[in-house]
Amino acid sequence: QVQLVESGGRLVQAGSSLTLACRASGQILSSYLMAWFRQAPGKEREFVAGLTWRNYRRLYSDSVKDRFTISRIAAENTVYLQMNDLRPEDTADYYCACAPDYRNTYYRPTEYNIWGQGTQVTVSS
């Protein structure tokens, strides 16, 4: 069973950059879909970015696609989320998630069966 641990969240100022990391323990199968979600207080969990482990297809929400970059280092079993030009509305708990394979509904949290504990990102104005 894969376990996910996020790190890198902290308080930053608007306009700053920050990189989150998600390290997976256990074997990541080539079929897996890895993703980042976020949840702000009082709001639903929303998809941020994802990538397919096999062919490195990357997926982004419209709100972050020009500012955030998802990547991975396969040898380290780690997925990164590089976040640039952070805004106060990016403030949220960020979660790493894993689904057994790619699906067209990749943006739905219910498609993912493994989750990390989350890391908090706060962007001050």
N, C-alpha and C. Protein backbone atom coordinates (compact mmCIF):
# COMPACT_ATOMS: atom_id res chain seq x y z
N GLN A 1 0.85 -1.18 0.00
CA GLN A 1 0.00 0.00 0.00
C GLN A 1 0.89 1.25 0.00
N VAL A 2 0.65 2.12 -0.95
CA VAL A 2 1.41 3.37 -1.03
C VAL A 2 0.95 4.33 0.05
N GLN A 3 1.90 5.00 0.66
CA GLN A 3 1.60 6.08 1.61
C GLN A 3 2.24 7.36 1.09
N LEU A 4 1.55 8.47 1.31
CA LEU A 4 1.99 9.76 0.78
C LEU A 4 2.25 10.73 1.92
N VAL A 5 3.35 11.44 1.83
CA VAL A 5 3.69 12.44 2.84
C VAL A 5 4.07 13.73 2.13
N GLU A 6 3.32 14.79 2.43
CA GLU A 6 3.57 16.10 1.84
C GLU A 6 4.49 16.92 2.74
N SER A 7 5.17 17.84 2.11
CA SER A 7 6.00 18.78 2.87
C SER A 7 6.16 20.06 2.05
N GLY A 8 6.62 21.11 2.74
CA GLY A 8 6.96 22.34 2.05
C GLY A 8 6.02 23.49 2.28
N GLY A 9 4.87 23.26 2.87
CA GLY A 9 3.93 24.34 3.09
C GLY A 9 4.41 25.31 4.16
N ARG A 10 4.12 26.59 3.96
CA ARG A 10 4.48 27.61 4.95
C ARG A 10 3.80 28.91 4.61
N LEU A 11 4.06 29.92 5.41
CA LEU A 11 3.54 31.27 5.19
C LEU A 11 4.47 32.02 4.25
N VAL A 12 3.89 32.58 3.18
CA VAL A 12 4.67 33.37 2.22
C VAL A 12 3.89 34.63 1.87
N GLN A 13 4.57 35.56 1.24
CA GLN A 13 3.92 36.79 0.79
C GLN A 13 3.41 36.61 -0.64
N ALA A 14 2.41 37.39 -0.97
CA ALA A 14 1.88 37.37 -2.33
C ALA A 14 3.00 37.67 -3.32
N GLY A 15 2.98 36.95 -4.44
CA GLY A 15 4.02 37.12 -5.44
C GLY A 15 5.18 36.18 -5.29
N SER A 16 5.24 35.50 -4.16
CA SER A 16 6.35 34.59 -3.89
C SER A 16 6.17 33.26 -4.61
N SER A 17 7.22 32.46 -4.54
CA SER A 17 7.20 31.10 -5.07
C SER A 17 7.41 30.10 -3.94
N LEU A 18 6.89 28.92 -4.15
CA LEU A 18 6.99 27.88 -3.13
C LEU A 18 6.89 26.53 -3.84
N THR A 19 7.65 25.56 -3.35
CA THR A 19 7.58 24.21 -3.92
C THR A 19 7.14 23.22 -2.85
N LEU A 20 6.11 22.48 -3.16
CA LEU A 20 5.65 21.42 -2.29
C LEU A 20 6.18 20.08 -2.81
N ALA A 21 6.38 19.16 -1.88
CA ALA A 21 6.85 17.83 -2.24
C ALA A 21 5.91 16.78 -1.68
N CYS A 22 5.75 15.72 -2.42
CA CYS A 22 4.95 14.58 -1.98
C CYS A 22 5.79 13.33 -2.20
N ARG A 23 6.20 12.73 -1.10
CA ARG A 23 7.03 11.54 -1.21
C ARG A 23 6.16 10.32 -0.95
N ALA A 24 6.29 9.35 -1.83
CA ALA A 24 5.50 8.13 -1.72
C ALA A 24 6.37 6.99 -1.23
N SER A 25 5.86 6.28 -0.26
CA SER A 25 6.52 5.06 0.18
C SER A 25 5.76 3.88 -0.41
N GLY A 26 6.49 2.83 -0.72
CA GLY A 26 5.84 1.72 -1.39
C GLY A 26 6.00 1.85 -2.89
N GLN A 27 5.54 0.87 -3.60
CA GLN A 27 5.74 0.84 -5.05
C GLN A 27 4.68 1.64 -5.78
N ILE A 28 5.14 2.58 -6.61
CA ILE A 28 4.24 3.31 -7.48
C ILE A 28 4.16 2.58 -8.80
N LEU A 29 2.97 2.11 -9.12
CA LEU A 29 2.78 1.41 -10.38
C LEU A 29 2.73 2.40 -11.54
N SER A 30 3.13 1.95 -12.69
CA SER A 30 3.20 2.84 -13.84
C SER A 30 1.83 3.36 -14.25
N SER A 31 0.78 2.71 -13.85
CA SER A 31 -0.56 3.14 -14.22
C SER A 31 -1.09 4.29 -13.36
N TYR A 32 -0.41 4.58 -12.28
CA TYR A 32 -0.94 5.53 -11.31
C TYR A 32 -1.09 6.94 -11.86
N LEU A 33 -2.09 7.61 -11.32
CA LEU A 33 -2.30 9.04 -11.53
C LEU A 33 -2.02 9.73 -10.19
N MET A 34 -1.07 10.64 -10.19
CA MET A 34 -0.73 11.39 -8.98
C MET A 34 -1.26 12.82 -9.13
N ALA A 35 -1.74 13.38 -8.04
CA ALA A 35 -2.34 14.70 -8.14
C ALA A 35 -2.17 15.51 -6.87
N TRP A 36 -2.33 16.81 -7.03
CA TRP A 36 -2.41 17.74 -5.92
C TRP A 36 -3.82 18.33 -5.90
N PHE A 37 -4.39 18.35 -4.71
CA PHE A 37 -5.65 19.03 -4.44
C PHE A 37 -5.40 20.08 -3.36
N ARG A 38 -6.35 20.97 -3.22
CA ARG A 38 -6.28 21.93 -2.11
C ARG A 38 -7.67 22.17 -1.56
N GLN A 39 -7.67 22.57 -0.31
CA GLN A 39 -8.93 22.85 0.36
C GLN A 39 -8.76 24.05 1.26
N ALA A 40 -9.48 25.10 0.94
CA ALA A 40 -9.48 26.31 1.76
C ALA A 40 -10.58 26.20 2.81
N PRO A 41 -10.44 26.93 3.90
CA PRO A 41 -11.46 26.87 4.96
C PRO A 41 -12.86 27.17 4.43
N GLY A 42 -13.78 26.29 4.73
CA GLY A 42 -15.17 26.50 4.31
C GLY A 42 -15.45 26.17 2.86
N LYS A 43 -14.46 25.65 2.16
CA LYS A 43 -14.65 25.34 0.74
C LYS A 43 -14.41 23.86 0.48
N GLU A 44 -14.87 23.43 -0.67
CA GLU A 44 -14.68 22.04 -1.06
C GLU A 44 -13.25 21.81 -1.54
N ARG A 45 -12.84 20.58 -1.45
CA ARG A 45 -11.52 20.22 -1.96
C ARG A 45 -11.53 20.32 -3.48
N GLU A 46 -10.50 20.95 -4.04
CA GLU A 46 -10.48 21.15 -5.48
C GLU A 46 -9.17 20.65 -6.09
N PHE A 47 -9.29 20.19 -7.31
CA PHE A 47 -8.15 19.71 -8.07
C PHE A 47 -7.24 20.88 -8.43
N VAL A 48 -5.93 20.66 -8.32
CA VAL A 48 -4.95 21.68 -8.68
C VAL A 48 -4.14 21.23 -9.89
N ALA A 49 -3.53 20.07 -9.77
CA ALA A 49 -2.66 19.57 -10.85
C ALA A 49 -2.48 18.07 -10.69
N GLY A 50 -2.18 17.41 -11.81
CA GLY A 50 -1.96 15.97 -11.76
C GLY A 50 -1.02 15.53 -12.85
N LEU A 51 -0.50 14.32 -12.69
CA LEU A 51 0.33 13.75 -13.75
C LEU A 51 0.20 12.23 -13.76
N THR A 52 0.29 11.68 -14.94
CA THR A 52 0.27 10.23 -15.09
C THR A 52 1.69 9.71 -14.98
N TRP A 53 1.85 8.69 -14.16
CA TRP A 53 3.20 8.22 -13.88
C TRP A 53 3.86 7.61 -15.11
N ARG A 54 3.08 6.92 -15.93
CA ARG A 54 3.65 6.20 -17.07
C ARG A 54 4.18 7.15 -18.13
N ASN A 55 3.33 8.04 -18.61
CA ASN A 55 3.75 8.86 -19.75
C ASN A 55 3.87 10.34 -19.43
N TYR A 56 3.79 10.65 -18.14
CA TYR A 56 4.07 12.01 -17.68
C TYR A 56 3.13 13.04 -18.31
N ARG A 57 1.91 12.65 -18.54
CA ARG A 57 0.92 13.62 -18.99
C ARG A 57 0.55 14.51 -17.81
N ARG A 58 0.59 15.80 -18.01
CA ARG A 58 0.32 16.73 -16.91
C ARG A 58 -1.02 17.44 -17.12
N LEU A 59 -1.71 17.65 -16.02
CA LEU A 59 -3.05 18.21 -16.01
C LEU A 59 -3.09 19.36 -15.01
N TYR A 60 -3.81 20.41 -15.36
CA TYR A 60 -3.89 21.58 -14.49
C TYR A 60 -5.30 22.13 -14.45
N SER A 61 -5.65 22.73 -13.31
CA SER A 61 -6.88 23.49 -13.25
C SER A 61 -6.65 24.83 -13.92
N ASP A 62 -7.71 25.44 -14.37
CA ASP A 62 -7.59 26.73 -15.06
C ASP A 62 -7.02 27.81 -14.14
N SER A 63 -7.27 27.70 -12.87
CA SER A 63 -6.86 28.76 -11.95
C SER A 63 -5.36 28.77 -11.69
N VAL A 64 -4.66 27.68 -12.03
CA VAL A 64 -3.23 27.63 -11.72
C VAL A 64 -2.36 27.33 -12.92
N LYS A 65 -2.91 27.03 -14.07
CA LYS A 65 -2.13 26.45 -15.16
C LYS A 65 -1.00 27.33 -15.65
N ASP A 66 -1.08 28.60 -15.48
CA ASP A 66 0.00 29.48 -15.93
C ASP A 66 0.97 29.83 -14.81
N ARG A 67 0.72 29.30 -13.61
CA ARG A 67 1.56 29.66 -12.47
C ARG A 67 2.19 28.46 -11.77
N PHE A 68 1.52 27.32 -11.82
CA PHE A 68 1.99 26.13 -11.11
C PHE A 68 2.52 25.10 -12.10
N THR A 69 3.49 24.33 -11.64
CA THR A 69 4.04 23.24 -12.44
C THR A 69 4.16 21.99 -11.59
N ILE A 70 3.61 20.90 -12.09
CA ILE A 70 3.73 19.62 -11.41
C ILE A 70 4.84 18.82 -12.10
N SER A 71 5.61 18.13 -11.30
CA SER A 71 6.70 17.34 -11.85
C SER A 71 6.97 16.16 -10.93
N ARG A 72 7.86 15.29 -11.36
CA ARG A 72 8.20 14.15 -10.52
C ARG A 72 9.66 13.76 -10.74
N ILE A 73 10.22 13.13 -9.74
CA ILE A 73 11.49 12.44 -9.87
C ILE A 73 11.19 10.99 -9.56
N ALA A 74 11.12 10.19 -10.60
CA ALA A 74 10.67 8.81 -10.43
C ALA A 74 11.59 8.02 -9.49
N ALA A 75 12.88 8.25 -9.60
CA ALA A 75 13.82 7.50 -8.78
C ALA A 75 13.64 7.77 -7.30
N GLU A 76 13.04 8.93 -6.98
CA GLU A 76 12.82 9.30 -5.59
C GLU A 76 11.38 9.08 -5.16
N ASN A 77 10.54 8.59 -6.09
CA ASN A 77 9.11 8.42 -5.77
C ASN A 77 8.51 9.71 -5.24
N THR A 78 8.88 10.81 -5.82
CA THR A 78 8.45 12.11 -5.31
C THR A 78 7.79 12.94 -6.41
N VAL A 79 6.71 13.58 -6.05
CA VAL A 79 6.00 14.50 -6.93
C VAL A 79 6.10 15.90 -6.33
N TYR A 80 6.38 16.86 -7.19
CA TYR A 80 6.56 18.23 -6.74
C TYR A 80 5.47 19.13 -7.33
N LEU A 81 5.18 20.19 -6.62
CA LEU A 81 4.30 21.24 -7.13
C LEU A 81 5.02 22.57 -6.95
N GLN A 82 5.52 23.08 -8.06
CA GLN A 82 6.17 24.39 -8.06
C GLN A 82 5.09 25.45 -8.24
N MET A 83 5.01 26.36 -7.29
CA MET A 83 3.97 27.39 -7.32
C MET A 83 4.62 28.75 -7.41
N ASN A 84 4.30 29.47 -8.47
CA ASN A 84 4.85 30.81 -8.69
C ASN A 84 3.74 31.85 -8.59
N ASP A 85 4.15 33.07 -8.34
CA ASP A 85 3.21 34.19 -8.29
C ASP A 85 2.01 33.86 -7.39
N LEU A 86 2.32 33.44 -6.19
CA LEU A 86 1.25 33.04 -5.28
C LEU A 86 0.35 34.20 -4.90
N ARG A 87 -0.91 33.90 -4.73
CA ARG A 87 -1.92 34.90 -4.41
C ARG A 87 -2.62 34.52 -3.12
N PRO A 88 -3.23 35.47 -2.43
CA PRO A 88 -3.95 35.13 -1.20
C PRO A 88 -4.99 34.04 -1.42
N GLU A 89 -5.60 34.00 -2.58
CA GLU A 89 -6.61 32.98 -2.85
C GLU A 89 -6.03 31.58 -3.03
N ASP A 90 -4.71 31.47 -3.05
CA ASP A 90 -4.07 30.15 -3.08
C ASP A 90 -3.93 29.57 -1.68
N THR A 91 -4.26 30.34 -0.69
CA THR A 91 -4.18 29.87 0.69
C THR A 91 -5.10 28.67 0.89
N ALA A 92 -4.53 27.57 1.37
CA ALA A 92 -5.30 26.34 1.55
C ALA A 92 -4.39 25.27 2.14
N ASP A 93 -5.01 24.19 2.53
CA ASP A 93 -4.27 22.96 2.81
C ASP A 93 -4.12 22.22 1.49
N TYR A 94 -2.90 21.82 1.19
CA TYR A 94 -2.62 21.14 -0.07
C TYR A 94 -2.40 19.65 0.21
N TYR A 95 -3.07 18.84 -0.58
CA TYR A 95 -3.03 17.39 -0.39
C TYR A 95 -2.51 16.70 -1.65
N CYS A 96 -1.70 15.71 -1.41
CA CYS A 96 -1.25 14.82 -2.48
C CYS A 96 -2.18 13.62 -2.51
N ALA A 97 -2.45 13.13 -3.71
CA ALA A 97 -3.38 12.01 -3.84
C ALA A 97 -2.95 11.09 -4.97
N CYS A 98 -3.41 9.86 -4.89
CA CYS A 98 -3.04 8.84 -5.86
C CYS A 98 -4.29 8.07 -6.28
N ALA A 99 -4.43 7.91 -7.58
CA ALA A 99 -5.50 7.08 -8.14
C ALA A 99 -4.86 5.91 -8.88
N PRO A 100 -5.55 4.79 -8.99
CA PRO A 100 -4.93 3.62 -9.61
C PRO A 100 -4.64 3.76 -11.09
N ASP A 101 -5.32 4.69 -11.75
CA ASP A 101 -5.07 4.90 -13.16
C ASP A 101 -5.69 6.22 -13.60
N TYR A 102 -5.38 6.62 -14.83
CA TYR A 102 -5.96 7.85 -15.36
C TYR A 102 -7.45 7.64 -15.65
N ARG A 103 -8.21 8.66 -15.36
CA ARG A 103 -9.61 8.67 -15.75
C ARG A 103 -10.00 10.08 -16.13
N ASN A 104 -11.02 10.21 -16.97
CA ASN A 104 -11.42 11.54 -17.46
C ASN A 104 -11.94 12.43 -16.35
N THR A 105 -12.39 11.81 -15.27
CA THR A 105 -12.88 12.58 -14.12
C THR A 105 -11.78 12.75 -13.08
N TYR A 106 -10.58 12.99 -13.54
CA TYR A 106 -9.41 13.10 -12.67
C TYR A 106 -9.54 14.25 -11.67
N TYR A 107 -10.43 15.18 -11.93
CA TYR A 107 -10.58 16.37 -11.10
C TYR A 107 -11.46 16.11 -9.87
N ARG A 108 -12.05 14.96 -9.79
CA ARG A 108 -12.92 14.62 -8.67
C ARG A 108 -12.13 13.95 -7.55
N PRO A 109 -12.22 14.48 -6.35
CA PRO A 109 -11.51 13.85 -5.23
C PRO A 109 -11.90 12.39 -5.01
N THR A 110 -13.13 12.06 -5.35
CA THR A 110 -13.61 10.69 -5.11
C THR A 110 -12.92 9.65 -5.99
N GLU A 111 -12.19 10.11 -7.00
CA GLU A 111 -11.49 9.17 -7.87
C GLU A 111 -10.18 8.67 -7.27
N TYR A 112 -9.77 9.28 -6.17
CA TYR A 112 -8.47 8.98 -5.57
C TYR A 112 -8.67 8.16 -4.29
N ASN A 113 -7.89 7.12 -4.15
CA ASN A 113 -8.07 6.23 -3.01
C ASN A 113 -6.95 6.33 -1.98
N ILE A 114 -5.92 7.10 -2.29
CA ILE A 114 -4.82 7.28 -1.33
C ILE A 114 -4.56 8.77 -1.19
N TRP A 115 -4.45 9.22 0.06
CA TRP A 115 -4.25 10.65 0.34
C TRP A 115 -3.15 10.84 1.38
N GLY A 116 -2.45 11.96 1.22
CA GLY A 116 -1.53 12.36 2.27
C GLY A 116 -2.26 13.14 3.34
N GLN A 117 -1.51 13.57 4.33
CA GLN A 117 -2.11 14.27 5.48
C GLN A 117 -2.27 15.76 5.23
N GLY A 118 -1.63 16.28 4.20
CA GLY A 118 -1.78 17.68 3.84
C GLY A 118 -0.67 18.56 4.38
N THR A 119 -0.44 19.67 3.70
CA THR A 119 0.52 20.66 4.15
C THR A 119 -0.11 22.04 3.91
N GLN A 120 0.07 22.92 4.87
CA GLN A 120 -0.64 24.19 4.83
C GLN A 120 0.18 25.27 4.12
N VAL A 121 -0.48 25.94 3.21
CA VAL A 121 0.11 27.07 2.51
C VAL A 121 -0.73 28.31 2.82
N THR A 122 -0.08 29.34 3.31
CA THR A 122 -0.74 30.60 3.60
C THR A 122 -0.04 31.70 2.84
N VAL A 123 -0.82 32.45 2.07
CA VAL A 123 -0.27 33.55 1.28
C VAL A 123 -0.82 34.85 1.82
N SER A 124 0.06 35.68 2.32
CA SER A 124 -0.37 36.97 2.88
C SER A 124 -0.33 38.05 1.80
N SER A 125 -1.24 38.99 1.92
CA SER A 125 -1.31 40.07 0.92
C SER A 125 -0.41 41.23 1.29
